[in-house]
Amino acid sequence: MDVKREKLLIEQAKESLEAFDELYEYYFPKIYGYIFNRTRNRQLTEDVTSETFLKAMKKIDSFVDKGYPFGPWLYRIAHNTLIDAFRKASYDRIPDSFDSTSEYSTDGDILENEEQELIVQAVQQLPEQYQEILSLRYFQELENEEIAVILKTSSKNVALKMHRALKALKELLSNDYYKSRIGTIE
């Protein structure tokens, strides 16, 4: 979505809920994916995603264009809502069982999925701040500047934490457990 269209929709959404629908349609998969990558729990993801958009709809009047898009503001709401949900319910980030209806067309797809699942498991072993940075950067494909807005820090601090997170992930993936698991996939 281009910036002009987004700004127009935000202004219209302050007056009409119908205008919020297009913002919702555009950002829903992104916010849902971000939350699911953090929780690995479908029910919690659905609850937090719904709550995020409800809060955004109620607070749309308070959104002020500070030179960054609506997305980082929405991710910040999602981030805070997720933290609240973890505090309230003490959810574990346990992956849902695989959907029995999903099928893979090739052995390569299966191997790639297993490898991705190992990486997700490794990321979940990292400290929360590293998980957050990696999720926003690699799963949500946000730039450091956008991540800085979401986490209320500088882009230099984001870059430093990203470096440390990747270093920690590399060390974790080089341990014997992950080496043996990845070796069986290859």
N, C-alpha and C. Protein backbone atom coordinates (compact mmCIF):
# COMPACT_ATOMS: atom_id res chain seq x y z
N MET A 1 0.86 -1.16 0.00
CA MET A 1 0.00 0.00 0.00
C MET A 1 0.91 1.23 0.00
N ASP A 2 0.61 2.16 -0.90
CA ASP A 2 1.46 3.35 -0.95
C ASP A 2 1.11 4.31 0.18
N VAL A 3 2.04 5.18 0.49
CA VAL A 3 1.92 6.09 1.63
C VAL A 3 0.72 7.03 1.49
N LYS A 4 0.50 7.55 0.29
CA LYS A 4 -0.64 8.47 0.09
C LYS A 4 -1.96 7.77 0.37
N ARG A 5 -2.11 6.57 -0.15
CA ARG A 5 -3.35 5.80 0.06
C ARG A 5 -3.54 5.51 1.54
N GLU A 6 -2.46 5.12 2.20
CA GLU A 6 -2.53 4.82 3.62
C GLU A 6 -2.96 6.04 4.43
N LYS A 7 -2.36 7.19 4.15
CA LYS A 7 -2.71 8.43 4.86
C LYS A 7 -4.18 8.79 4.65
N LEU A 8 -4.65 8.63 3.42
CA LEU A 8 -6.05 8.91 3.11
C LEU A 8 -6.97 7.98 3.91
N LEU A 9 -6.64 6.70 3.92
CA LEU A 9 -7.46 5.73 4.66
C LEU A 9 -7.47 6.02 6.16
N ILE A 10 -6.33 6.42 6.69
CA ILE A 10 -6.27 6.74 8.12
C ILE A 10 -7.18 7.91 8.44
N GLU A 11 -7.12 8.94 7.61
CA GLU A 11 -7.99 10.11 7.84
C GLU A 11 -9.46 9.72 7.71
N GLN A 12 -9.78 8.89 6.73
CA GLN A 12 -11.17 8.45 6.56
C GLN A 12 -11.61 7.54 7.71
N ALA A 13 -10.67 6.72 8.21
CA ALA A 13 -11.00 5.80 9.30
C ALA A 13 -11.30 6.54 10.60
N LYS A 14 -10.80 7.75 10.71
CA LYS A 14 -11.12 8.55 11.90
C LYS A 14 -12.59 8.96 11.91
N GLU A 15 -13.21 8.94 10.72
CA GLU A 15 -14.61 9.32 10.59
C GLU A 15 -15.53 8.13 10.35
N SER A 16 -15.00 7.07 9.74
CA SER A 16 -15.85 5.96 9.31
C SER A 16 -15.14 4.62 9.51
N LEU A 17 -15.85 3.67 10.10
CA LEU A 17 -15.28 2.34 10.31
C LEU A 17 -15.05 1.59 9.01
N GLU A 18 -15.84 1.89 7.98
CA GLU A 18 -15.68 1.20 6.70
C GLU A 18 -14.30 1.45 6.11
N ALA A 19 -13.78 2.64 6.31
CA ALA A 19 -12.45 2.97 5.79
C ALA A 19 -11.37 2.17 6.51
N PHE A 20 -11.63 1.79 7.75
CA PHE A 20 -10.66 0.99 8.51
C PHE A 20 -10.53 -0.41 7.91
N ASP A 21 -11.58 -0.88 7.23
CA ASP A 21 -11.57 -2.23 6.65
C ASP A 21 -10.39 -2.46 5.73
N GLU A 22 -10.07 -1.48 4.89
CA GLU A 22 -8.96 -1.66 3.95
C GLU A 22 -7.63 -1.74 4.68
N LEU A 23 -7.47 -0.93 5.72
CA LEU A 23 -6.26 -1.02 6.54
C LEU A 23 -6.19 -2.40 7.20
N TYR A 24 -7.33 -2.86 7.69
CA TYR A 24 -7.41 -4.18 8.32
C TYR A 24 -7.01 -5.28 7.33
N GLU A 25 -7.58 -5.24 6.14
CA GLU A 25 -7.29 -6.26 5.11
C GLU A 25 -5.81 -6.28 4.76
N TYR A 26 -5.21 -5.12 4.69
CA TYR A 26 -3.79 -5.04 4.33
C TYR A 26 -2.89 -5.52 5.46
N TYR A 27 -3.17 -5.10 6.68
CA TYR A 27 -2.27 -5.39 7.80
C TYR A 27 -2.58 -6.68 8.54
N PHE A 28 -3.77 -7.23 8.38
CA PHE A 28 -4.12 -8.44 9.13
C PHE A 28 -3.11 -9.57 8.96
N PRO A 29 -2.76 -9.97 7.73
CA PRO A 29 -1.82 -11.09 7.61
C PRO A 29 -0.45 -10.79 8.22
N LYS A 30 -0.04 -9.54 8.16
CA LYS A 30 1.26 -9.16 8.73
C LYS A 30 1.23 -9.24 10.25
N ILE A 31 0.20 -8.70 10.86
CA ILE A 31 0.08 -8.71 12.32
C ILE A 31 -0.15 -10.14 12.82
N TYR A 32 -1.01 -10.87 12.13
CA TYR A 32 -1.26 -12.27 12.51
C TYR A 32 0.05 -13.07 12.46
N GLY A 33 0.81 -12.91 11.38
CA GLY A 33 2.07 -13.63 11.25
C GLY A 33 3.07 -13.26 12.33
N TYR A 34 3.15 -11.98 12.63
CA TYR A 34 4.05 -11.51 13.69
C TYR A 34 3.69 -12.15 15.02
N ILE A 35 2.43 -12.13 15.36
CA ILE A 35 2.00 -12.69 16.64
C ILE A 35 2.16 -14.21 16.66
N PHE A 36 1.82 -14.87 15.55
CA PHE A 36 1.96 -16.33 15.51
C PHE A 36 3.43 -16.74 15.65
N ASN A 37 4.32 -15.99 15.02
CA ASN A 37 5.74 -16.31 15.15
C ASN A 37 6.24 -16.15 16.57
N ARG A 38 5.59 -15.32 17.35
CA ARG A 38 5.96 -15.12 18.75
C ARG A 38 5.30 -16.16 19.66
N THR A 39 4.09 -16.60 19.33
CA THR A 39 3.35 -17.48 20.24
C THR A 39 3.36 -18.95 19.83
N ARG A 40 3.32 -19.20 18.53
CA ARG A 40 3.18 -20.55 17.97
C ARG A 40 1.90 -21.21 18.49
N ASN A 41 0.88 -20.41 18.76
CA ASN A 41 -0.39 -20.89 19.30
C ASN A 41 -1.51 -20.18 18.55
N ARG A 42 -2.28 -20.95 17.79
CA ARG A 42 -3.31 -20.35 16.93
C ARG A 42 -4.38 -19.58 17.72
N GLN A 43 -4.87 -20.17 18.79
CA GLN A 43 -5.94 -19.52 19.56
C GLN A 43 -5.46 -18.20 20.15
N LEU A 44 -4.30 -18.22 20.76
CA LEU A 44 -3.75 -16.99 21.34
C LEU A 44 -3.49 -15.96 20.24
N THR A 45 -2.99 -16.41 19.11
CA THR A 45 -2.73 -15.51 17.98
C THR A 45 -4.01 -14.83 17.52
N GLU A 46 -5.07 -15.61 17.38
CA GLU A 46 -6.35 -15.04 16.95
C GLU A 46 -6.88 -14.03 17.96
N ASP A 47 -6.77 -14.37 19.24
CA ASP A 47 -7.24 -13.47 20.29
C ASP A 47 -6.46 -12.16 20.31
N VAL A 48 -5.14 -12.27 20.27
CA VAL A 48 -4.29 -11.07 20.33
C VAL A 48 -4.44 -10.23 19.07
N THR A 49 -4.55 -10.88 17.92
CA THR A 49 -4.74 -10.14 16.67
C THR A 49 -6.05 -9.37 16.70
N SER A 50 -7.12 -10.02 17.13
CA SER A 50 -8.41 -9.33 17.23
C SER A 50 -8.34 -8.15 18.18
N GLU A 51 -7.73 -8.37 19.32
CA GLU A 51 -7.61 -7.30 20.32
C GLU A 51 -6.76 -6.15 19.78
N THR A 52 -5.72 -6.47 19.03
CA THR A 52 -4.86 -5.44 18.43
C THR A 52 -5.66 -4.54 17.51
N PHE A 53 -6.44 -5.13 16.62
CA PHE A 53 -7.21 -4.32 15.67
C PHE A 53 -8.34 -3.56 16.35
N LEU A 54 -8.90 -4.15 17.38
CA LEU A 54 -9.93 -3.45 18.14
C LEU A 54 -9.34 -2.20 18.80
N LYS A 55 -8.18 -2.36 19.43
CA LYS A 55 -7.50 -1.21 20.05
C LYS A 55 -7.14 -0.16 19.01
N ALA A 56 -6.62 -0.61 17.87
CA ALA A 56 -6.23 0.34 16.81
C ALA A 56 -7.44 1.11 16.31
N MET A 57 -8.56 0.41 16.15
CA MET A 57 -9.77 1.07 15.68
C MET A 57 -10.22 2.14 16.68
N LYS A 58 -10.14 1.80 17.96
CA LYS A 58 -10.55 2.75 19.00
C LYS A 58 -9.59 3.93 19.12
N LYS A 59 -8.29 3.68 18.83
CA LYS A 59 -7.27 4.71 19.03
C LYS A 59 -6.85 5.41 17.73
N ILE A 60 -7.54 5.13 16.64
CA ILE A 60 -7.13 5.69 15.35
C ILE A 60 -7.07 7.22 15.40
N ASP A 61 -7.91 7.83 16.20
CA ASP A 61 -7.88 9.29 16.34
C ASP A 61 -6.56 9.78 16.93
N SER A 62 -5.91 8.94 17.72
CA SER A 62 -4.66 9.36 18.37
C SER A 62 -3.43 9.16 17.48
N PHE A 63 -3.62 8.47 16.32
CA PHE A 63 -2.48 8.28 15.43
C PHE A 63 -2.11 9.61 14.80
N VAL A 64 -0.86 9.97 14.97
CA VAL A 64 -0.34 11.20 14.39
C VAL A 64 0.83 10.80 13.49
N ASP A 65 0.79 11.25 12.25
CA ASP A 65 1.86 10.94 11.31
C ASP A 65 3.14 11.63 11.76
N LYS A 66 4.07 10.83 12.25
CA LYS A 66 5.36 11.37 12.72
C LYS A 66 6.48 11.04 11.73
N GLY A 67 6.12 10.86 10.50
CA GLY A 67 7.11 10.56 9.49
C GLY A 67 7.33 9.08 9.27
N TYR A 68 6.58 8.25 9.96
CA TYR A 68 6.66 6.82 9.72
C TYR A 68 5.25 6.31 9.43
N PRO A 69 5.17 5.18 8.74
CA PRO A 69 3.86 4.66 8.35
C PRO A 69 3.03 4.16 9.53
N PHE A 70 1.80 3.84 9.22
CA PHE A 70 0.84 3.31 10.17
C PHE A 70 1.31 1.96 10.72
N GLY A 71 2.01 1.18 9.91
CA GLY A 71 2.44 -0.17 10.29
C GLY A 71 3.18 -0.25 11.61
N PRO A 72 4.26 0.53 11.79
CA PRO A 72 4.97 0.46 13.07
C PRO A 72 4.09 0.80 14.27
N TRP A 73 3.17 1.73 14.11
CA TRP A 73 2.24 2.07 15.18
C TRP A 73 1.37 0.86 15.52
N LEU A 74 0.89 0.18 14.48
CA LEU A 74 0.05 -1.00 14.68
C LEU A 74 0.85 -2.15 15.30
N TYR A 75 2.09 -2.35 14.84
CA TYR A 75 2.95 -3.38 15.43
C TYR A 75 3.20 -3.09 16.90
N ARG A 76 3.33 -1.83 17.26
CA ARG A 76 3.55 -1.46 18.66
C ARG A 76 2.33 -1.86 19.50
N ILE A 77 1.15 -1.63 18.97
CA ILE A 77 -0.07 -2.05 19.67
C ILE A 77 -0.07 -3.58 19.81
N ALA A 78 0.28 -4.28 18.74
CA ALA A 78 0.33 -5.75 18.78
C ALA A 78 1.34 -6.23 19.81
N HIS A 79 2.50 -5.61 19.82
CA HIS A 79 3.57 -5.95 20.77
C HIS A 79 3.06 -5.80 22.21
N ASN A 80 2.47 -4.66 22.52
CA ASN A 80 1.98 -4.42 23.87
C ASN A 80 0.82 -5.34 24.25
N THR A 81 -0.05 -5.62 23.29
CA THR A 81 -1.18 -6.52 23.54
C THR A 81 -0.68 -7.93 23.80
N LEU A 82 0.33 -8.35 23.07
CA LEU A 82 0.92 -9.67 23.27
C LEU A 82 1.57 -9.78 24.64
N ILE A 83 2.30 -8.76 25.04
CA ILE A 83 2.92 -8.76 26.37
C ILE A 83 1.83 -8.88 27.45
N ASP A 84 0.76 -8.12 27.29
CA ASP A 84 -0.35 -8.19 28.24
C ASP A 84 -0.95 -9.60 28.29
N ALA A 85 -1.11 -10.21 27.13
CA ALA A 85 -1.68 -11.56 27.08
C ALA A 85 -0.78 -12.57 27.78
N PHE A 86 0.53 -12.46 27.57
CA PHE A 86 1.47 -13.36 28.24
C PHE A 86 1.42 -13.16 29.75
N ARG A 87 1.32 -11.92 30.18
CA ARG A 87 1.24 -11.64 31.62
C ARG A 87 -0.03 -12.22 32.23
N LYS A 88 -1.15 -12.03 31.54
CA LYS A 88 -2.44 -12.48 32.06
C LYS A 88 -2.54 -14.00 32.13
N ALA A 89 -2.10 -14.65 31.07
CA ALA A 89 -2.38 -16.08 30.94
C ALA A 89 -1.17 -16.97 31.08
N SER A 90 0.02 -16.42 31.09
CA SER A 90 1.25 -17.21 31.16
C SER A 90 1.26 -18.32 30.11
N TYR A 91 0.94 -17.94 28.87
CA TYR A 91 0.95 -18.91 27.77
C TYR A 91 2.37 -19.37 27.46
N ASP A 92 2.47 -20.63 27.07
CA ASP A 92 3.73 -21.14 26.55
C ASP A 92 3.69 -21.00 25.04
N ARG A 93 4.83 -20.78 24.44
CA ARG A 93 4.90 -20.71 22.98
C ARG A 93 5.16 -22.11 22.44
N ILE A 94 4.14 -22.93 22.46
CA ILE A 94 4.26 -24.29 21.97
C ILE A 94 3.63 -24.34 20.60
N PRO A 95 4.36 -24.85 19.61
CA PRO A 95 3.78 -24.90 18.26
C PRO A 95 2.52 -25.75 18.22
N ASP A 96 1.53 -25.29 17.47
CA ASP A 96 0.34 -26.09 17.22
C ASP A 96 0.76 -27.32 16.44
N SER A 97 -0.02 -28.39 16.56
CA SER A 97 0.28 -29.54 15.74
C SER A 97 0.04 -29.15 14.29
N PHE A 98 0.74 -29.83 13.40
CA PHE A 98 0.59 -29.50 11.99
C PHE A 98 -0.84 -29.74 11.55
N ASP A 99 -1.32 -28.87 10.71
CA ASP A 99 -2.67 -28.98 10.17
C ASP A 99 -2.73 -30.25 9.32
N SER A 100 -3.66 -31.14 9.64
CA SER A 100 -3.72 -32.42 8.93
C SER A 100 -4.11 -32.26 7.47
N THR A 101 -4.65 -31.11 7.11
CA THR A 101 -5.05 -30.91 5.72
C THR A 101 -3.90 -30.40 4.86
N SER A 102 -2.81 -29.98 5.49
CA SER A 102 -1.72 -29.45 4.68
C SER A 102 -0.90 -30.59 4.09
N GLU A 103 -0.55 -30.44 2.84
CA GLU A 103 0.23 -31.45 2.15
C GLU A 103 1.41 -30.77 1.48
N TYR A 104 2.47 -31.53 1.31
CA TYR A 104 3.66 -31.01 0.67
C TYR A 104 3.84 -31.73 -0.65
N SER A 105 4.23 -30.96 -1.64
CA SER A 105 4.30 -31.54 -2.97
C SER A 105 5.60 -32.30 -3.22
N THR A 106 6.66 -31.95 -2.52
CA THR A 106 7.93 -32.63 -2.77
C THR A 106 8.65 -32.90 -1.46
N ASP A 107 9.63 -33.80 -1.54
CA ASP A 107 10.47 -34.06 -0.37
C ASP A 107 11.23 -32.80 0.02
N GLY A 108 11.58 -31.99 -0.95
CA GLY A 108 12.29 -30.73 -0.68
C GLY A 108 11.46 -29.80 0.19
N ASP A 109 10.15 -29.76 -0.06
CA ASP A 109 9.26 -28.94 0.77
C ASP A 109 9.26 -29.43 2.21
N ILE A 110 9.21 -30.75 2.38
CA ILE A 110 9.21 -31.33 3.73
C ILE A 110 10.51 -31.00 4.44
N LEU A 111 11.63 -31.19 3.75
CA LEU A 111 12.93 -30.90 4.35
C LEU A 111 13.06 -29.43 4.71
N GLU A 112 12.61 -28.57 3.83
CA GLU A 112 12.68 -27.13 4.09
C GLU A 112 11.83 -26.78 5.31
N ASN A 113 10.65 -27.38 5.41
CA ASN A 113 9.77 -27.11 6.55
C ASN A 113 10.40 -27.60 7.85
N GLU A 114 11.01 -28.77 7.84
CA GLU A 114 11.67 -29.30 9.04
C GLU A 114 12.83 -28.40 9.46
N GLU A 115 13.58 -27.94 8.48
CA GLU A 115 14.71 -27.05 8.77
C GLU A 115 14.20 -25.72 9.35
N GLN A 116 13.15 -25.19 8.78
CA GLN A 116 12.56 -23.95 9.31
C GLN A 116 12.06 -24.15 10.73
N GLU A 117 11.45 -25.28 10.99
CA GLU A 117 10.94 -25.56 12.34
C GLU A 117 12.09 -25.64 13.34
N LEU A 118 13.21 -26.22 12.94
CA LEU A 118 14.38 -26.26 13.82
C LEU A 118 14.90 -24.85 14.11
N ILE A 119 14.90 -24.01 13.11
CA ILE A 119 15.35 -22.63 13.31
C ILE A 119 14.39 -21.90 14.25
N VAL A 120 13.09 -22.10 14.05
CA VAL A 120 12.11 -21.48 14.95
C VAL A 120 12.32 -21.96 16.38
N GLN A 121 12.56 -23.26 16.56
CA GLN A 121 12.82 -23.80 17.90
C GLN A 121 14.06 -23.17 18.50
N ALA A 122 15.09 -23.00 17.69
CA ALA A 122 16.32 -22.38 18.18
C ALA A 122 16.07 -20.92 18.57
N VAL A 123 15.34 -20.20 17.75
CA VAL A 123 15.03 -18.79 18.06
C VAL A 123 14.28 -18.71 19.38
N GLN A 124 13.40 -19.66 19.64
CA GLN A 124 12.62 -19.64 20.88
C GLN A 124 13.48 -19.89 22.11
N GLN A 125 14.70 -20.37 21.92
CA GLN A 125 15.61 -20.57 23.04
C GLN A 125 16.35 -19.28 23.41
N LEU A 126 16.29 -18.30 22.53
CA LEU A 126 17.00 -17.04 22.75
C LEU A 126 16.23 -16.16 23.74
N PRO A 127 16.91 -15.17 24.33
CA PRO A 127 16.21 -14.21 25.19
C PRO A 127 15.10 -13.49 24.41
N GLU A 128 14.08 -13.06 25.13
CA GLU A 128 12.91 -12.42 24.51
C GLU A 128 13.27 -11.27 23.58
N GLN A 129 14.19 -10.41 24.01
CA GLN A 129 14.52 -9.25 23.17
C GLN A 129 15.12 -9.68 21.83
N TYR A 130 15.88 -10.77 21.82
CA TYR A 130 16.44 -11.26 20.56
C TYR A 130 15.36 -11.90 19.70
N GLN A 131 14.44 -12.62 20.33
CA GLN A 131 13.33 -13.21 19.58
C GLN A 131 12.52 -12.13 18.88
N GLU A 132 12.26 -11.07 19.61
CA GLU A 132 11.47 -9.95 19.08
C GLU A 132 12.14 -9.33 17.87
N ILE A 133 13.42 -9.02 18.00
CA ILE A 133 14.18 -8.39 16.91
C ILE A 133 14.20 -9.29 15.68
N LEU A 134 14.51 -10.57 15.87
CA LEU A 134 14.58 -11.50 14.74
C LEU A 134 13.22 -11.70 14.08
N SER A 135 12.18 -11.78 14.88
CA SER A 135 10.84 -11.95 14.34
C SER A 135 10.44 -10.76 13.48
N LEU A 136 10.67 -9.57 13.99
CA LEU A 136 10.30 -8.37 13.22
C LEU A 136 11.12 -8.25 11.94
N ARG A 137 12.40 -8.58 12.01
CA ARG A 137 13.26 -8.41 10.84
C ARG A 137 13.06 -9.50 9.79
N TYR A 138 13.08 -10.76 10.22
CA TYR A 138 13.10 -11.85 9.25
C TYR A 138 11.74 -12.46 8.97
N PHE A 139 10.84 -12.47 9.93
CA PHE A 139 9.51 -13.01 9.66
C PHE A 139 8.58 -11.94 9.12
N GLN A 140 8.71 -10.72 9.64
CA GLN A 140 7.84 -9.63 9.19
C GLN A 140 8.50 -8.74 8.15
N GLU A 141 9.79 -8.95 7.92
CA GLU A 141 10.56 -8.24 6.89
C GLU A 141 10.51 -6.72 7.06
N LEU A 142 10.62 -6.27 8.31
CA LEU A 142 10.65 -4.84 8.58
C LEU A 142 12.08 -4.34 8.57
N GLU A 143 12.25 -3.08 8.25
CA GLU A 143 13.56 -2.44 8.26
C GLU A 143 13.91 -2.02 9.69
N ASN A 144 15.21 -1.81 9.93
CA ASN A 144 15.66 -1.42 11.26
C ASN A 144 14.96 -0.16 11.78
N GLU A 145 14.71 0.79 10.90
CA GLU A 145 14.06 2.03 11.31
C GLU A 145 12.64 1.75 11.81
N GLU A 146 11.92 0.86 11.13
CA GLU A 146 10.56 0.51 11.54
C GLU A 146 10.59 -0.25 12.88
N ILE A 147 11.55 -1.14 13.01
CA ILE A 147 11.70 -1.89 14.26
C ILE A 147 12.01 -0.94 15.41
N ALA A 148 12.84 0.05 15.14
CA ALA A 148 13.18 1.04 16.17
C ALA A 148 11.94 1.77 16.67
N VAL A 149 11.05 2.11 15.76
CA VAL A 149 9.81 2.79 16.14
C VAL A 149 8.95 1.87 17.01
N ILE A 150 8.83 0.62 16.60
CA ILE A 150 8.01 -0.35 17.34
C ILE A 150 8.55 -0.57 18.74
N LEU A 151 9.87 -0.70 18.85
CA LEU A 151 10.49 -1.00 20.14
C LEU A 151 10.89 0.24 20.93
N LYS A 152 10.61 1.40 20.36
CA LYS A 152 10.93 2.68 21.01
C LYS A 152 12.41 2.76 21.39
N THR A 153 13.24 2.59 20.38
CA THR A 153 14.69 2.67 20.56
C THR A 153 15.29 3.26 19.29
N SER A 154 16.60 3.37 19.23
CA SER A 154 17.25 3.91 18.04
C SER A 154 17.53 2.80 17.03
N SER A 155 17.69 3.17 15.77
CA SER A 155 18.01 2.16 14.76
C SER A 155 19.41 1.59 14.98
N LYS A 156 20.30 2.38 15.57
CA LYS A 156 21.64 1.86 15.90
C LYS A 156 21.54 0.78 16.97
N ASN A 157 20.67 0.99 17.95
CA ASN A 157 20.47 -0.01 18.99
C ASN A 157 19.85 -1.28 18.40
N VAL A 158 18.94 -1.11 17.46
CA VAL A 158 18.34 -2.26 16.78
C VAL A 158 19.42 -3.04 16.04
N ALA A 159 20.29 -2.35 15.32
CA ALA A 159 21.37 -3.01 14.59
C ALA A 159 22.30 -3.77 15.53
N LEU A 160 22.61 -3.17 16.67
CA LEU A 160 23.48 -3.83 17.65
C LEU A 160 22.80 -5.08 18.21
N LYS A 161 21.54 -4.96 18.58
CA LYS A 161 20.81 -6.12 19.11
C LYS A 161 20.65 -7.19 18.04
N MET A 162 20.45 -6.78 16.79
CA MET A 162 20.33 -7.73 15.69
C MET A 162 21.63 -8.53 15.55
N HIS A 163 22.74 -7.83 15.61
CA HIS A 163 24.05 -8.48 15.52
C HIS A 163 24.21 -9.50 16.64
N ARG A 164 23.88 -9.08 17.85
CA ARG A 164 24.00 -9.98 19.01
C ARG A 164 23.04 -11.16 18.90
N ALA A 165 21.83 -10.91 18.43
CA ALA A 165 20.84 -11.98 18.28
C ALA A 165 21.30 -13.01 17.25
N LEU A 166 21.81 -12.53 16.12
CA LEU A 166 22.29 -13.45 15.08
C LEU A 166 23.50 -14.24 15.57
N LYS A 167 24.36 -13.59 16.32
CA LYS A 167 25.54 -14.28 16.88
C LYS A 167 25.08 -15.37 17.85
N ALA A 168 24.12 -15.05 18.72
CA ALA A 168 23.60 -16.02 19.68
C ALA A 168 22.91 -17.18 18.96
N LEU A 169 22.15 -16.87 17.90
CA LEU A 169 21.47 -17.90 17.13
C LEU A 169 22.48 -18.81 16.45
N LYS A 170 23.52 -18.22 15.88
CA LYS A 170 24.56 -19.01 15.22
C LYS A 170 25.23 -19.95 16.22
N GLU A 171 25.53 -19.45 17.41
CA GLU A 171 26.14 -20.29 18.44
C GLU A 171 25.20 -21.43 18.84
N LEU A 172 23.93 -21.11 18.98
CA LEU A 172 22.95 -22.12 19.36
C LEU A 172 22.82 -23.19 18.28
N LEU A 173 22.76 -22.76 17.02
CA LEU A 173 22.63 -23.72 15.92
C LEU A 173 23.89 -24.54 15.71
N SER A 174 25.00 -24.10 16.25
CA SER A 174 26.24 -24.86 16.10
C SER A 174 26.40 -25.90 17.21
N ASN A 175 25.47 -25.93 18.18
CA ASN A 175 25.61 -26.94 19.22
C ASN A 175 25.25 -28.31 18.66
N ASP A 176 25.64 -29.34 19.37
CA ASP A 176 25.52 -30.71 18.87
C ASP A 176 24.08 -31.13 18.54
N TYR A 177 23.11 -30.70 19.35
CA TYR A 177 21.73 -31.08 19.10
C TYR A 177 21.28 -30.60 17.73
N TYR A 178 21.46 -29.32 17.45
CA TYR A 178 21.00 -28.78 16.17
C TYR A 178 21.85 -29.28 15.01
N LYS A 179 23.15 -29.45 15.24
CA LYS A 179 24.00 -30.00 14.18
C LYS A 179 23.51 -31.40 13.79
N SER A 180 23.20 -32.22 14.78
CA SER A 180 22.75 -33.58 14.48
C SER A 180 21.39 -33.58 13.79
N ARG A 181 20.49 -32.68 14.20
CA ARG A 181 19.17 -32.61 13.59
C ARG A 181 19.25 -32.10 12.15
N ILE A 182 20.04 -31.06 11.94
CA ILE A 182 20.19 -30.53 10.59
C ILE A 182 20.90 -31.54 9.71
N GLY A 183 21.84 -32.27 10.28
CA GLY A 183 22.55 -33.31 9.53
C GLY A 183 21.63 -34.40 9.04
N THR A 184 20.60 -34.74 9.83
CA THR A 184 19.66 -35.78 9.40
C THR A 184 18.72 -35.28 8.33
N ILE A 185 18.52 -33.97 8.28
CA ILE A 185 17.65 -33.40 7.24
C ILE A 185 18.37 -33.38 5.90
N GLU A 186 19.64 -33.02 5.93
CA GLU A 186 20.40 -32.92 4.69
C GLU A 186 20.61 -34.29 4.14
